[in-house]
Amino acid sequence: MKKMNKFRKYSMIPMLAAAVLLTGCEKEEEEVPEEEHDHEVFTDVKLIFTNTQDSSDVVEALAQDPDYEGIEDLKVLDAINLKKNTAYTLTFEILNVHEDEHDDHEDDHDDHDNHEGEEHEDDHDDHDDHDDHDDHDDHAEDIGAEIAEEDDEHQFFFAFSNDAFADPAGDGNIDNASDAINYNDADDNGNPVGLSTSWETSSSSLSNGEFRVMLQHQPGVKTASSGANDGDSDFDLTFVLNIE
């Protein structure tokens, strides 16, 4: 009888081990964290100020990622140079230019230049990285279109030198979401987006001022009162602002 009990006791060991292993696997499955949102990749962010009275008067300022999808951040390349007492509409061109696509297109362009003759080589050499990105916009993802599709999860916020603009007055809504910004667009919930905004410069000159723009990604948290500290920043850029 004792031998039988001892056999039964040992025969339970594999079953207990299997149960422990199964329980451990279930816990591991339960503890796997949810996948985080894959943020859009930005290599080019261009601010476009268009004079509302003269559509040929356009001021552009570019921020660009020098290593594309590498570890470096976007770098501001241009100042924003606006006129006094002038109304502008601000829009954006936001792109993801892939490095391999950029290089392939550049190689094709070089081959074409070689057939054209030596007189074109100097012109090609004068192009800098700024122009290279602009020249390859056809080979880029339009991230601005994706933001428009997901406008209920995104909002632009702004900050600028105090009273640089007659409208909106003040210094922007990054520090306080309720401060005035003239949004021209809204999501399906009626909350502002910021892919298009309106601005009127003041009557005073400004030299080496600041214009800061943030794009916040706010899935599940965007409301009529959510601010620049809610959600995660897709980008946060500060440009030099001059008004003459």
Protein backbone atom coordinates (compact mmCIF):
# COMPACT_ATOMS: atom_id res chain seq x y z
CA MET A 1 0.00 0.00 0.00
CA LYS A 2 2.82 2.40 0.83
CA LYS A 3 4.48 1.66 -2.53
CA MET A 4 1.24 2.46 -4.33
CA ASN A 5 0.92 5.81 -2.51
CA LYS A 6 4.53 6.65 -3.29
CA PHE A 7 3.95 5.87 -6.96
CA ARG A 8 0.87 8.06 -7.06
CA LYS A 9 2.77 10.89 -5.39
CA TYR A 10 5.58 10.77 -7.96
CA SER A 11 3.16 10.39 -10.83
CA MET A 12 1.64 13.76 -9.91
CA ILE A 13 4.92 15.64 -10.37
CA PRO A 14 4.77 15.88 -14.18
CA MET A 15 1.14 17.02 -13.97
CA LEU A 16 1.98 19.72 -11.42
CA ALA A 17 4.93 20.90 -13.50
CA ALA A 18 2.74 21.17 -16.57
CA ALA A 19 0.15 23.13 -14.62
CA VAL A 20 2.78 25.55 -13.31
CA LEU A 21 4.21 25.98 -16.80
CA LEU A 22 0.75 26.60 -18.27
CA THR A 23 -0.05 29.14 -15.57
CA GLY A 24 3.26 30.89 -16.20
CA CYS A 25 2.55 31.12 -19.91
CA GLU A 26 -0.89 32.56 -19.25
CA LYS A 27 0.61 35.22 -16.98
CA GLU A 28 3.22 36.11 -19.58
CA GLU A 29 0.51 36.51 -22.18
CA GLU A 30 -1.50 38.71 -19.85
CA GLU A 31 1.53 40.86 -19.02
CA VAL A 32 2.49 41.61 -22.63
CA PRO A 33 2.11 45.41 -22.93
CA GLU A 34 -0.15 46.87 -25.54
CA GLU A 35 1.57 48.05 -28.68
CA GLU A 36 2.26 51.75 -28.64
CA HIS A 37 1.05 53.98 -31.45
CA ASP A 38 3.55 54.24 -34.29
CA HIS A 39 4.01 57.96 -34.71
CA GLU A 40 4.27 59.39 -38.17
CA VAL A 41 7.83 59.95 -39.42
CA PHE A 42 8.61 63.51 -40.47
CA THR A 43 11.62 64.47 -42.59
CA ASP A 44 10.31 67.81 -43.92
CA VAL A 45 8.00 70.30 -42.22
CA LYS A 46 7.40 73.45 -44.25
CA LEU A 47 5.40 76.42 -42.97
CA ILE A 48 3.70 78.33 -45.79
CA PHE A 49 2.42 81.86 -45.12
CA THR A 50 0.28 83.12 -48.02
CA ASN A 51 -0.73 86.80 -48.24
CA THR A 52 -4.54 86.80 -48.32
CA GLN A 53 -4.57 89.90 -50.58
CA ASP A 54 -1.83 88.71 -52.94
CA SER A 55 -1.52 84.97 -53.47
CA SER A 56 1.82 85.45 -55.23
CA ASP A 57 3.31 86.73 -51.96
CA VAL A 58 4.28 83.50 -50.22
CA VAL A 59 6.73 83.09 -47.34
CA GLU A 60 8.06 79.59 -46.67
CA ALA A 61 10.16 78.32 -43.77
CA LEU A 62 11.50 74.78 -43.68
CA ALA A 63 12.58 72.39 -40.95
CA GLN A 64 14.29 69.23 -42.14
CA ASP A 65 15.73 65.99 -40.78
CA PRO A 66 19.33 65.78 -42.04
CA ASP A 67 19.53 61.99 -41.72
CA TYR A 68 15.98 61.19 -42.78
CA GLU A 69 14.68 58.43 -40.50
CA GLY A 70 17.89 58.37 -38.48
CA ILE A 71 18.52 59.50 -34.92
CA GLU A 72 18.82 63.22 -35.60
CA ASP A 73 15.90 65.58 -35.01
CA LEU A 74 14.33 68.05 -37.38
CA LYS A 75 16.46 71.16 -37.79
CA VAL A 76 15.04 74.61 -38.56
CA LEU A 77 16.68 75.94 -41.74
CA ASP A 78 14.80 79.18 -42.46
CA ALA A 79 13.57 82.27 -40.67
CA ILE A 80 10.00 83.50 -41.12
CA ASN A 81 10.11 86.96 -42.73
CA LEU A 82 6.70 88.65 -42.83
CA LYS A 83 5.44 92.14 -43.70
CA LYS A 84 3.84 94.54 -41.23
CA ASN A 85 0.06 95.07 -41.28
CA THR A 86 -0.47 92.06 -43.52
CA ALA A 87 -2.93 89.18 -43.30
CA TYR A 88 -1.65 85.68 -43.98
CA THR A 89 -3.00 82.15 -44.09
CA LEU A 90 -0.63 79.59 -42.63
CA THR A 91 -0.68 76.07 -44.07
CA PHE A 92 1.80 73.19 -43.92
CA GLU A 93 3.61 70.80 -46.21
CA ILE A 94 4.58 67.80 -44.08
CA LEU A 95 6.48 64.98 -45.76
CA ASN A 96 8.37 61.78 -45.10
CA VAL A 97 11.10 61.49 -47.72
CA HIS A 98 12.70 58.04 -47.73
CA GLU A 99 16.49 58.10 -48.00
CA ASP A 100 16.66 55.22 -50.48
CA GLU A 101 14.06 56.83 -52.71
CA HIS A 102 15.95 60.11 -52.46
CA ASP A 103 19.24 58.46 -53.45
CA ASP A 104 17.71 56.50 -56.35
CA HIS A 105 16.14 59.62 -57.75
CA GLU A 106 19.36 61.57 -57.28
CA ASP A 107 21.32 58.89 -59.22
CA ASP A 108 18.83 59.11 -62.10
CA HIS A 109 19.15 62.88 -62.07
CA ASP A 110 22.97 62.64 -62.19
CA ASP A 111 22.86 60.25 -65.16
CA HIS A 112 20.61 62.65 -67.01
CA ASP A 113 22.95 65.56 -66.29
CA ASN A 114 25.93 63.63 -67.65
CA HIS A 115 24.18 63.32 -71.03
CA GLU A 116 23.35 67.01 -71.05
CA GLY A 117 27.01 68.10 -71.10
CA GLU A 118 29.51 69.75 -68.82
CA GLU A 119 27.78 73.13 -68.87
CA HIS A 120 25.11 71.74 -66.53
CA GLU A 121 27.52 70.26 -63.98
CA ASP A 122 28.18 73.58 -62.22
CA ASP A 123 24.46 74.21 -61.80
CA HIS A 124 23.95 70.75 -60.30
CA ASP A 125 26.85 71.23 -57.88
CA ASP A 126 25.26 74.43 -56.59
CA HIS A 127 22.25 72.51 -55.21
CA ASP A 128 22.38 72.04 -51.42
CA ASP A 129 20.57 69.57 -49.19
CA HIS A 130 17.67 72.02 -48.82
CA ASP A 131 17.06 71.87 -52.58
CA ASP A 132 17.55 68.10 -52.72
CA HIS A 133 14.57 67.52 -50.42
CA ASP A 134 12.42 69.97 -52.35
CA ASP A 135 13.41 68.33 -55.65
CA HIS A 136 12.15 64.94 -54.47
CA ASP A 137 8.76 65.78 -53.05
CA ASP A 138 7.22 63.47 -55.67
CA HIS A 139 9.02 60.60 -53.93
CA ALA A 140 7.69 61.29 -50.45
CA GLU A 141 4.75 60.34 -48.28
CA ASP A 142 2.31 63.18 -47.66
CA ILE A 143 2.03 63.03 -43.87
CA GLY A 144 -0.15 66.13 -43.89
CA ALA A 145 -2.84 64.12 -45.64
CA GLU A 146 -2.59 61.43 -42.95
CA ILE A 147 -2.96 64.08 -40.23
CA ALA A 148 -6.07 65.39 -41.99
CA GLU A 149 -7.52 61.87 -42.03
CA GLU A 150 -6.80 61.50 -38.30
CA ASP A 151 -7.70 65.08 -37.36
CA ASP A 152 -9.64 63.94 -34.29
CA GLU A 153 -6.28 62.77 -32.87
CA HIS A 154 -4.15 65.80 -33.77
CA GLN A 155 -3.92 69.50 -32.97
CA PHE A 156 -1.38 72.22 -33.73
CA PHE A 157 -0.45 74.68 -30.99
CA PHE A 158 1.43 77.95 -31.39
CA ALA A 159 3.54 80.39 -29.39
CA PHE A 160 5.15 83.61 -30.60
CA SER A 161 6.78 86.81 -29.44
CA ASN A 162 4.27 88.86 -27.50
CA ASP A 163 2.10 91.09 -29.72
CA ALA A 164 3.94 90.10 -32.90
CA PHE A 165 0.47 89.74 -34.40
CA ALA A 166 -2.48 92.08 -34.23
CA ASP A 167 -4.73 89.06 -34.66
CA PRO A 168 -4.41 86.77 -32.82
CA ALA A 169 -3.08 89.03 -30.09
CA GLY A 170 -1.04 87.82 -27.14
CA ASP A 171 1.63 85.14 -27.28
CA GLY A 172 -0.17 81.98 -28.45
CA ASN A 173 -1.88 78.97 -26.89
CA ILE A 174 0.97 76.64 -25.97
CA ASP A 175 1.02 77.95 -22.41
CA ASN A 176 -2.77 78.21 -22.20
CA ALA A 177 -5.05 76.30 -24.57
CA SER A 178 -7.84 78.85 -24.19
CA ASP A 179 -5.70 81.71 -25.59
CA ALA A 180 -6.64 82.96 -29.03
CA ILE A 181 -5.57 81.22 -32.24
CA ASN A 182 -7.52 81.63 -35.47
CA TYR A 183 -8.09 78.02 -36.54
CA ASN A 184 -9.67 77.60 -39.96
CA ASP A 185 -10.39 73.89 -39.61
CA ALA A 186 -12.01 71.50 -37.15
CA ASP A 187 -12.46 67.75 -36.73
CA ASP A 188 -15.79 65.92 -36.75
CA ASN A 189 -16.22 66.77 -33.06
CA GLY A 190 -15.90 70.47 -33.74
CA ASN A 191 -12.46 70.71 -32.09
CA PRO A 192 -9.67 72.73 -33.78
CA VAL A 193 -6.95 71.11 -35.86
CA GLY A 194 -4.59 73.77 -37.23
CA LEU A 195 -3.59 72.59 -40.70
CA SER A 196 -4.87 76.03 -41.70
CA THR A 197 -4.81 79.16 -39.51
CA SER A 198 -5.18 82.92 -40.06
CA TRP A 199 -2.72 85.62 -38.95
CA GLU A 200 -2.45 89.41 -39.20
CA THR A 201 0.91 90.95 -38.39
CA SER A 202 1.17 93.99 -36.13
CA SER A 203 2.14 97.51 -37.23
CA SER A 204 5.45 97.27 -35.35
CA SER A 205 8.68 95.82 -36.66
CA LEU A 206 10.14 92.73 -35.03
CA SER A 207 13.67 91.41 -35.34
CA ASN A 208 14.81 87.98 -34.16
CA GLY A 209 11.50 87.16 -32.54
CA GLU A 210 10.18 83.62 -32.11
CA PHE A 211 7.46 81.56 -33.71
CA ARG A 212 6.95 78.11 -32.20
CA VAL A 213 4.67 75.41 -33.54
CA MET A 214 3.83 72.07 -31.89
CA LEU A 215 1.89 69.17 -33.34
CA GLN A 216 0.34 67.09 -30.60
CA HIS A 217 -0.84 63.53 -31.11
CA GLN A 218 -3.85 63.08 -28.82
CA PRO A 219 -5.71 59.81 -29.46
CA GLY A 220 -8.47 59.40 -26.89
CA VAL A 221 -7.57 62.61 -25.06
CA LYS A 222 -8.35 65.39 -27.52
CA THR A 223 -11.26 67.54 -26.35
CA ALA A 224 -12.40 71.12 -26.67
CA SER A 225 -10.17 72.01 -23.72
CA SER A 226 -7.13 69.73 -24.24
CA GLY A 227 -3.84 71.55 -24.48
CA ALA A 228 -0.23 71.34 -25.60
CA ASN A 229 0.68 69.11 -22.64
CA ASP A 230 -1.94 66.49 -23.49
CA GLY A 231 -0.84 63.56 -25.62
CA ASP A 232 2.58 63.27 -27.23
CA SER A 233 4.48 65.74 -29.41
CA ASP A 234 4.95 64.69 -33.03
CA PHE A 235 7.20 67.73 -33.45
CA ASP A 236 8.04 70.96 -31.61
CA LEU A 237 9.82 73.60 -33.72
CA THR A 238 10.90 77.17 -33.01
CA PHE A 239 11.62 79.51 -35.93
CA VAL A 240 13.13 82.99 -35.94
CA LEU A 241 10.36 85.52 -36.71
CA ASN A 242 11.07 88.83 -38.42
CA ILE A 243 8.40 91.41 -39.28
CA GLU A 244 9.37 94.41 -41.40
